Amino acid sequence: MDPTSRSEIREAFGYCRKHTQQLIEAAKNTNQRLSASIVAEDLANHFIKHSKKLLKSGIKSGTGIFKTRKSCPIYKYYDKH
């Protein structure tokens, strides 16, 4: 995946439920499990870094963790076409 797409996925903390399910199904049906795993690992690492940063700033665990979340990147793509 290109850096721009990966950045958009991280900023949104992943895809919405609908598109996450589609990613899972596509990975199963097209044998693209490695690609889906890379996205999942990248998101997990981003979430951990973001959580640590929030905790260091004094925000209690579980509060405000997704306040900077952007909309699902797939919808952004559809809006362009």
PDB file of N, CA and C in Angstrom:
ATOM      1  N   MET A   1       0.845  -1.188   0.000  1.00  0.00           N
ATOM      2  CA  MET A   1       0.000   0.000   0.000  1.00  0.00           C
ATOM      3  C   MET A   1       0.885   1.243   0.000  1.00  0.00           C
ATOM      4  N   ASP A   2       0.399   2.259  -0.658  1.00  0.00           N
ATOM      5  CA  ASP A   2       1.160   3.505  -0.729  1.00  0.00           C
ATOM      6  C   ASP A   2       1.066   4.276   0.599  1.00  0.00           C
ATOM      7  N   PRO A   3       2.054   5.097   0.888  1.00  0.00           N
ATOM      8  CA  PRO A   3       2.095   5.825   2.165  1.00  0.00           C
ATOM      9  C   PRO A   3       0.879   6.717   2.409  1.00  0.00           C
ATOM     10  N   THR A   4       0.345   7.330   1.374  1.00  0.00           N
ATOM     11  CA  THR A   4      -0.816   8.210   1.540  1.00  0.00           C
ATOM     12  C   THR A   4      -2.021   7.414   2.018  1.00  0.00           C
ATOM     13  N   SER A   5      -2.278   6.282   1.384  1.00  0.00           N
ATOM     14  CA  SER A   5      -3.415   5.444   1.782  1.00  0.00           C
ATOM     15  C   SER A   5      -3.248   4.931   3.207  1.00  0.00           C
ATOM     16  N   ARG A   6      -2.063   4.488   3.538  1.00  0.00           N
ATOM     17  CA  ARG A   6      -1.834   3.974   4.886  1.00  0.00           C
ATOM     18  C   ARG A   6      -2.024   5.066   5.923  1.00  0.00           C
ATOM     19  N   SER A   7      -1.599   6.269   5.613  1.00  0.00           N
ATOM     20  CA  SER A   7      -1.787   7.391   6.520  1.00  0.00           C
ATOM     21  C   SER A   7      -3.271   7.686   6.728  1.00  0.00           C
ATOM     22  N   GLU A   8      -4.037   7.673   5.649  1.00  0.00           N
ATOM     23  CA  GLU A   8      -5.484   7.921   5.749  1.00  0.00           C
ATOM     24  C   GLU A   8      -6.176   6.852   6.584  1.00  0.00           C
ATOM     25  N   ILE A   9      -5.757   5.611   6.421  1.00  0.00           N
ATOM     26  CA  ILE A   9      -6.342   4.518   7.199  1.00  0.00           C
ATOM     27  C   ILE A   9      -6.008   4.691   8.678  1.00  0.00           C
ATOM     28  N   ARG A  10      -4.756   5.048   8.979  1.00  0.00           N
ATOM     29  CA  ARG A  10      -4.350   5.273  10.375  1.00  0.00           C
ATOM     30  C   ARG A  10      -5.125   6.427  10.993  1.00  0.00           C
ATOM     31  N   GLU A  11      -5.236   7.547  10.275  1.00  0.00           N
ATOM     32  CA  GLU A  11      -5.937   8.718  10.813  1.00  0.00           C
ATOM     33  C   GLU A  11      -7.398   8.414  11.123  1.00  0.00           C
ATOM     34  N   ALA A  12      -7.980   7.501  10.358  1.00  0.00           N
ATOM     35  CA  ALA A  12      -9.377   7.122  10.588  1.00  0.00           C
ATOM     36  C   ALA A  12      -9.488   5.978  11.601  1.00  0.00           C
ATOM     37  N   PHE A  13      -8.348   5.509  12.114  1.00  0.00           N
ATOM     38  CA  PHE A  13      -8.315   4.335  12.983  1.00  0.00           C
ATOM     39  C   PHE A  13      -8.997   3.145  12.309  1.00  0.00           C
ATOM     40  N   GLY A  14      -8.730   3.000  11.029  1.00  0.00           N
ATOM     41  CA  GLY A  14      -9.271   1.868  10.273  1.00  0.00           C
ATOM     42  C   GLY A  14     -10.493   2.242   9.463  1.00  0.00           C
ATOM     43  N   TYR A  15     -11.093   1.213   8.944  1.00  0.00           N
ATOM     44  CA  TYR A  15     -12.295   1.380   8.135  1.00  0.00           C
ATOM     45  C   TYR A  15     -13.536   1.284   9.020  1.00  0.00           C
ATOM     46  N   CYS A  16     -14.660   1.696   8.481  1.00  0.00           N
ATOM     47  CA  CYS A  16     -15.922   1.513   9.187  1.00  0.00           C
ATOM     48  C   CYS A  16     -16.244   0.013   9.225  1.00  0.00           C
ATOM     49  N   ARG A  17     -17.245  -0.354   9.955  1.00  0.00           N
ATOM     50  CA  ARG A  17     -17.608  -1.771  10.105  1.00  0.00           C
ATOM     51  C   ARG A  17     -17.886  -2.427   8.758  1.00  0.00           C
ATOM     52  N   LYS A  18     -18.652  -1.761   7.919  1.00  0.00           N
ATOM     53  CA  LYS A  18     -19.019  -2.315   6.614  1.00  0.00           C
ATOM     54  C   LYS A  18     -17.770  -2.606   5.777  1.00  0.00           C
ATOM     55  N   HIS A  19     -16.870  -1.651   5.703  1.00  0.00           N
ATOM     56  CA  HIS A  19     -15.690  -1.823   4.858  1.00  0.00           C
ATOM     57  C   HIS A  19     -14.637  -2.739   5.485  1.00  0.00           C
ATOM     58  N   THR A  20     -14.618  -2.828   6.801  1.00  0.00           N
ATOM     59  CA  THR A  20     -13.740  -3.798   7.448  1.00  0.00           C
ATOM     60  C   THR A  20     -14.185  -5.210   7.091  1.00  0.00           C
ATOM     61  N   GLN A  21     -15.488  -5.435   7.137  1.00  0.00           N
ATOM     62  CA  GLN A  21     -16.019  -6.758   6.776  1.00  0.00           C
ATOM     63  C   GLN A  21     -15.709  -7.072   5.313  1.00  0.00           C
ATOM     64  N   GLN A  22     -15.840  -6.085   4.435  1.00  0.00           N
ATOM     65  CA  GLN A  22     -15.519  -6.302   3.027  1.00  0.00           C
ATOM     66  C   GLN A  22     -14.035  -6.621   2.842  1.00  0.00           C
ATOM     67  N   LEU A  23     -13.169  -5.968   3.596  1.00  0.00           N
ATOM     68  CA  LEU A  23     -11.734  -6.249   3.528  1.00  0.00           C
ATOM     69  C   LEU A  23     -11.458  -7.687   3.949  1.00  0.00           C
ATOM     70  N   ILE A  24     -12.092  -8.119   5.024  1.00  0.00           N
ATOM     71  CA  ILE A  24     -11.912  -9.487   5.502  1.00  0.00           C
ATOM     72  C   ILE A  24     -12.369 -10.492   4.451  1.00  0.00           C
ATOM     73  N   GLU A  25     -13.540 -10.255   3.884  1.00  0.00           N
ATOM     74  CA  GLU A  25     -14.064 -11.165   2.852  1.00  0.00           C
ATOM     75  C   GLU A  25     -13.179 -11.168   1.613  1.00  0.00           C
ATOM     76  N   ALA A  26     -12.724  -9.998   1.213  1.00  0.00           N
ATOM     77  CA  ALA A  26     -11.847  -9.919   0.036  1.00  0.00           C
ATOM     78  C   ALA A  26     -10.540 -10.653   0.292  1.00  0.00           C
ATOM     79  N   ALA A  27     -10.008 -10.519   1.483  1.00  0.00           N
ATOM     80  CA  ALA A  27      -8.755 -11.202   1.824  1.00  0.00           C
ATOM     81  C   ALA A  27      -8.945 -12.714   1.784  1.00  0.00           C
ATOM     82  N   LYS A  28     -10.084 -13.180   2.277  1.00  0.00           N
ATOM     83  CA  LYS A  28     -10.346 -14.621   2.255  1.00  0.00           C
ATOM     84  C   LYS A  28     -10.538 -15.125   0.830  1.00  0.00           C
ATOM     85  N   ASN A  29     -11.293 -14.383   0.043  1.00  0.00           N
ATOM     86  CA  ASN A  29     -11.672 -14.841  -1.296  1.00  0.00           C
ATOM     87  C   ASN A  29     -10.592 -14.633  -2.350  1.00  0.00           C
ATOM     88  N   THR A  30      -9.667 -13.731  -2.111  1.00  0.00           N
ATOM     89  CA  THR A  30      -8.646 -13.456  -3.120  1.00  0.00           C
ATOM     90  C   THR A  30      -7.249 -13.839  -2.646  1.00  0.00           C
ATOM     91  N   ASN A  31      -7.190 -14.469  -1.493  1.00  0.00           N
ATOM     92  CA  ASN A  31      -5.911 -14.909  -0.935  1.00  0.00           C
ATOM     93  C   ASN A  31      -4.975 -13.731  -0.692  1.00  0.00           C
ATOM     94  N   GLN A  32      -5.517 -12.617  -0.223  1.00  0.00           N
ATOM     95  CA  GLN A  32      -4.736 -11.420   0.082  1.00  0.00           C
ATOM     96  C   GLN A  32      -4.605 -11.223   1.591  1.00  0.00           C
ATOM     97  N   ARG A  33      -4.411 -12.319   2.298  1.00  0.00           N
ATOM     98  CA  ARG A  33      -4.333 -12.231   3.760  1.00  0.00           C
ATOM     99  C   ARG A  33      -3.137 -11.416   4.231  1.00  0.00           C
ATOM    100  N   LEU A  34      -2.035 -11.480   3.512  1.00  0.00           N
ATOM    101  CA  LEU A  34      -0.855 -10.721   3.919  1.00  0.00           C
ATOM    102  C   LEU A  34      -1.142  -9.222   3.889  1.00  0.00           C
ATOM    103  N   SER A  35      -1.804  -8.752   2.839  1.00  0.00           N
ATOM    104  CA  SER A  35      -2.148  -7.319   2.746  1.00  0.00           C
ATOM    105  C   SER A  35      -3.038  -6.893   3.900  1.00  0.00           C
ATOM    106  N   ALA A  36      -4.043  -7.702   4.197  1.00  0.00           N
ATOM    107  CA  ALA A  36      -4.952  -7.378   5.301  1.00  0.00           C
ATOM    108  C   ALA A  36      -4.206  -7.413   6.627  1.00  0.00           C
ATOM    109  N   SER A  37      -3.270  -8.337   6.773  1.00  0.00           N
ATOM    110  CA  SER A  37      -2.475  -8.427   8.002  1.00  0.00           C
ATOM    111  C   SER A  37      -1.588  -7.203   8.184  1.00  0.00           C
ATOM    112  N   ILE A  38      -1.033  -6.709   7.093  1.00  0.00           N
ATOM    113  CA  ILE A  38      -0.189  -5.515   7.161  1.00  0.00           C
ATOM    114  C   ILE A  38      -1.014  -4.318   7.623  1.00  0.00           C
ATOM    115  N   VAL A  39      -2.215  -4.173   7.082  1.00  0.00           N
ATOM    116  CA  VAL A  39      -3.106  -3.077   7.492  1.00  0.00           C
ATOM    117  C   VAL A  39      -3.445  -3.222   8.971  1.00  0.00           C
ATOM    118  N   ALA A  40      -3.786  -4.434   9.402  1.00  0.00           N
ATOM    119  CA  ALA A  40      -4.160  -4.661  10.801  1.00  0.00           C
ATOM    120  C   ALA A  40      -2.993  -4.368  11.740  1.00  0.00           C
ATOM    121  N   GLU A  41      -1.796  -4.811  11.382  1.00  0.00           N
ATOM    122  CA  GLU A  41      -0.628  -4.558  12.218  1.00  0.00           C
ATOM    123  C   GLU A  41      -0.329  -3.059  12.304  1.00  0.00           C
ATOM    124  N   ASP A  42      -0.419  -2.385  11.180  1.00  0.00           N
ATOM    125  CA  ASP A  42      -0.175  -0.947  11.150  1.00  0.00           C
ATOM    126  C   ASP A  42      -1.177  -0.215  12.043  1.00  0.00           C
ATOM    127  N   LEU A  43      -2.444  -0.613  11.974  1.00  0.00           N
ATOM    128  CA  LEU A  43      -3.470   0.008  12.809  1.00  0.00           C
ATOM    129  C   LEU A  43      -3.239  -0.272  14.290  1.00  0.00           C
ATOM    130  N   ALA A  44      -2.868  -1.494  14.617  1.00  0.00           N
ATOM    131  CA  ALA A  44      -2.610  -1.839  16.016  1.00  0.00           C
ATOM    132  C   ALA A  44      -1.455  -1.014  16.570  1.00  0.00           C
ATOM    133  N   ASN A  45      -0.385  -0.905  15.806  1.00  0.00           N
ATOM    134  CA  ASN A  45       0.762  -0.103  16.246  1.00  0.00           C
ATOM    135  C   ASN A  45       0.387   1.368  16.410  1.00  0.00           C
ATOM    136  N   HIS A  46      -0.403   1.891  15.476  1.00  0.00           N
ATOM    137  CA  HIS A  46      -0.843   3.292  15.565  1.00  0.00           C
ATOM    138  C   HIS A  46      -1.720   3.501  16.801  1.00  0.00           C
ATOM    139  N   PHE A  47      -2.619   2.577  17.051  1.00  0.00           N
ATOM    140  CA  PHE A  47      -3.507   2.677  18.207  1.00  0.00           C
ATOM    141  C   PHE A  47      -2.699   2.678  19.508  1.00  0.00           C
ATOM    142  N   ILE A  48      -1.709   1.806  19.595  1.00  0.00           N
ATOM    143  CA  ILE A  48      -0.876   1.738  20.791  1.00  0.00           C
ATOM    144  C   ILE A  48      -0.116   3.045  20.990  1.00  0.00           C
ATOM    145  N   LYS A  49       0.497   3.565  19.931  1.00  0.00           N
ATOM    146  CA  LYS A  49       1.228   4.840  20.035  1.00  0.00           C
ATOM    147  C   LYS A  49       0.287   5.970  20.439  1.00  0.00           C
ATOM    148  N   HIS A  50      -0.887   6.013  19.815  1.00  0.00           N
ATOM    149  CA  HIS A  50      -1.862   7.062  20.108  1.00  0.00           C
ATOM    150  C   HIS A  50      -2.330   6.962  21.567  1.00  0.00           C
ATOM    151  N   SER A  51      -2.585   5.752  22.020  1.00  0.00           N
ATOM    152  CA  SER A  51      -3.044   5.540  23.394  1.00  0.00           C
ATOM    153  C   SER A  51      -1.986   5.985  24.400  1.00  0.00           C
ATOM    154  N   LYS A  52      -0.727   5.614  24.158  1.00  0.00           N
ATOM    155  CA  LYS A  52       0.355   6.016  25.062  1.00  0.00           C
ATOM    156  C   LYS A  52       0.494   7.531  25.112  1.00  0.00           C
ATOM    157  N   LYS A  53       0.374   8.158  23.948  1.00  0.00           N
ATOM    158  CA  LYS A  53       0.475   9.613  23.874  1.00  0.00           C
ATOM    159  C   LYS A  53      -0.645  10.277  24.673  1.00  0.00           C
ATOM    160  N   LEU A  54      -1.861   9.761  24.538  1.00  0.00           N
ATOM    161  CA  LEU A  54      -2.985  10.323  25.282  1.00  0.00           C
ATOM    162  C   LEU A  54      -2.825  10.115  26.777  1.00  0.00           C
ATOM    163  N   LEU A  55      -2.365   8.931  27.162  1.00  0.00           N
ATOM    164  CA  LEU A  55      -2.185   8.659  28.585  1.00  0.00           C
ATOM    165  C   LEU A  55      -1.111   9.554  29.192  1.00  0.00           C
ATOM    166  N   LYS A  56      -0.033   9.801  28.462  1.00  0.00           N
ATOM    167  CA  LYS A  56       1.025  10.694  28.946  1.00  0.00           C
ATOM    168  C   LYS A  56       0.522  12.120  29.105  1.00  0.00           C
ATOM    169  N   SER A  57      -0.475  12.489  28.285  1.00  0.00           N
ATOM    170  CA  SER A  57      -0.997  13.847  28.362  1.00  0.00           C
ATOM    171  C   SER A  57      -2.024  14.002  29.484  1.00  0.00           C
ATOM    172  N   GLY A  58      -2.322  12.899  30.178  1.00  0.00           N
ATOM    173  CA  GLY A  58      -3.230  12.977  31.320  1.00  0.00           C
ATOM    174  C   GLY A  58      -4.641  12.540  31.042  1.00  0.00           C
ATOM    175  N   ILE A  59      -4.942  12.142  29.819  1.00  0.00           N
ATOM    176  CA  ILE A  59      -6.289  11.667  29.502  1.00  0.00           C
ATOM    177  C   ILE A  59      -6.429  10.253  30.046  1.00  0.00           C
ATOM    178  N   LYS A  60      -7.520  10.007  30.737  1.00  0.00           N
ATOM    179  CA  LYS A  60      -7.764   8.693  31.306  1.00  0.00           C
ATOM    180  C   LYS A  60      -8.029   7.680  30.198  1.00  0.00           C
ATOM    181  N   SER A  61      -7.631   6.456  30.429  1.00  0.00           N
ATOM    182  CA  SER A  61      -7.823   5.381  29.466  1.00  0.00           C
ATOM    183  C   SER A  61      -9.291   5.252  29.090  1.00  0.00           C
ATOM    184  N   GLY A  62      -9.539   5.169  27.805  1.00  0.00           N
ATOM    185  CA  GLY A  62     -10.904   4.965  27.327  1.00  0.00           C
ATOM    186  C   GLY A  62     -11.687   6.235  27.069  1.00  0.00           C
ATOM    187  N   THR A  63     -11.161   7.381  27.443  1.00  0.00           N
ATOM    188  CA  THR A  63     -11.883   8.620  27.216  1.00  0.00           C
ATOM    189  C   THR A  63     -11.165   9.439  26.158  1.00  0.00           C
ATOM    190  N   GLY A  64     -11.894   9.844  25.161  1.00  0.00           N
ATOM    191  CA  GLY A  64     -11.350  10.713  24.134  1.00  0.00           C
ATOM    192  C   GLY A  64     -10.363  10.061  23.194  1.00  0.00           C
ATOM    193  N   ILE A  65     -10.283   8.762  23.223  1.00  0.00           N
ATOM    194  CA  ILE A  65      -9.249   8.099  22.447  1.00  0.00           C
ATOM    195  C   ILE A  65      -9.474   8.223  20.941  1.00  0.00           C
ATOM    196  N   PHE A  66     -10.722   8.354  20.521  1.00  0.00           N
ATOM    197  CA  PHE A  66     -11.010   8.453  19.100  1.00  0.00           C
ATOM    198  C   PHE A  66     -11.487   9.847  18.685  1.00  0.00           C
ATOM    199  N   LYS A  67     -11.255  10.862  19.500  1.00  0.00           N
ATOM    200  CA  LYS A  67     -11.734  12.203  19.167  1.00  0.00           C
ATOM    201  C   LYS A  67     -11.125  12.740  17.879  1.00  0.00           C
ATOM    202  N   THR A  68      -9.954  12.269  17.532  1.00  0.00           N
ATOM    203  CA  THR A  68      -9.310  12.739  16.312  1.00  0.00           C
ATOM    204  C   THR A  68      -9.622  11.843  15.119  1.00  0.00           C
ATOM    205  N   ARG A  69     -10.512  10.891  15.293  1.00  0.00           N
ATOM    206  CA  ARG A  69     -10.841   9.938  14.236  1.00  0.00           C
ATOM    207  C   ARG A  69     -11.480  10.641  13.046  1.00  0.00           C
ATOM    208  N   LYS A  70     -11.029  10.263  11.863  1.00  0.00           N
ATOM    209  CA  LYS A  70     -11.605  10.803  10.633  1.00  0.00           C
ATOM    210  C   LYS A  70     -12.556   9.770  10.055  1.00  0.00           C
ATOM    211  N   SER A  71     -13.317  10.143   9.038  1.00  0.00           N
ATOM    212  CA  SER A  71     -14.275   9.206   8.464  1.00  0.00           C
ATOM    213  C   SER A  71     -13.565   8.100   7.691  1.00  0.00           C
ATOM    214  N   CYS A  72     -14.284   7.048   7.424  1.00  0.00           N
ATOM    215  CA  CYS A  72     -13.758   5.886   6.712  1.00  0.00           C
ATOM    216  C   CYS A  72     -13.144   6.326   5.379  1.00  0.00           C
ATOM    217  N   PRO A  73     -11.899   5.949   5.118  1.00  0.00           N
ATOM    218  CA  PRO A  73     -11.218   6.364   3.885  1.00  0.00           C
ATOM    219  C   PRO A  73     -11.901   5.882   2.608  1.00  0.00           C
ATOM    220  N   ILE A  74     -12.639   4.809   2.698  1.00  0.00           N
ATOM    221  CA  ILE A  74     -13.331   4.300   1.507  1.00  0.00           C
ATOM    222  C   ILE A  74     -14.401   5.296   1.055  1.00  0.00           C
ATOM    223  N   TYR A  75     -15.135   5.870   1.989  1.00  0.00           N
ATOM    224  CA  TYR A  75     -16.152   6.864   1.624  1.00  0.00           C
ATOM    225  C   TYR A  75     -15.504   8.084   0.980  1.00  0.00           C
ATOM    226  N   LYS A  76     -14.344   8.452   1.445  1.00  0.00           N
ATOM    227  CA  LYS A  76     -13.610   9.565   0.832  1.00  0.00           C
ATOM    228  C   LYS A  76     -13.315   9.265  -0.627  1.00  0.00           C
ATOM    229  N   TYR A  77     -12.930   8.027  -0.897  1.00  0.00           N
ATOM    230  CA  TYR A  77     -12.648   7.608  -2.261  1.00  0.00           C
ATOM    231  C   TYR A  77     -13.903   7.719  -3.126  1.00  0.00           C
ATOM    232  N   TYR A  78     -15.035   7.247  -2.596  1.00  0.00           N
ATOM    233  CA  TYR A  78     -16.283   7.304  -3.375  1.00  0.00           C
ATOM    234  C   TYR A  78     -16.711   8.743  -3.639  1.00  0.00           C
ATOM    235  N   ASP A  79     -16.449   9.629  -2.676  1.00  0.00           N
ATOM    236  CA  ASP A  79     -16.826  11.031  -2.860  1.00  0.00           C
ATOM    237  C   ASP A  79     -16.043  11.697  -4.001  1.00  0.00           C
ATOM    238  N   LYS A  80     -14.850  11.167  -4.308  1.00  0.00           N
ATOM    239  CA  LYS A  80     -14.029  11.735  -5.380  1.00  0.00           C
ATOM    240  C   LYS A  80     -14.493  11.276  -6.759  1.00  0.00           C
ATOM    241  N   HIS A  81     -15.251  10.180  -6.811  1.00  0.00           N
ATOM    242  CA  HIS A  81     -15.632   9.627  -8.123  1.00  0.00           C
ATOM    243  C   HIS A  81     -17.107   9.779  -8.399  1.00  0.00           C
TER     244      HIS A  81
END
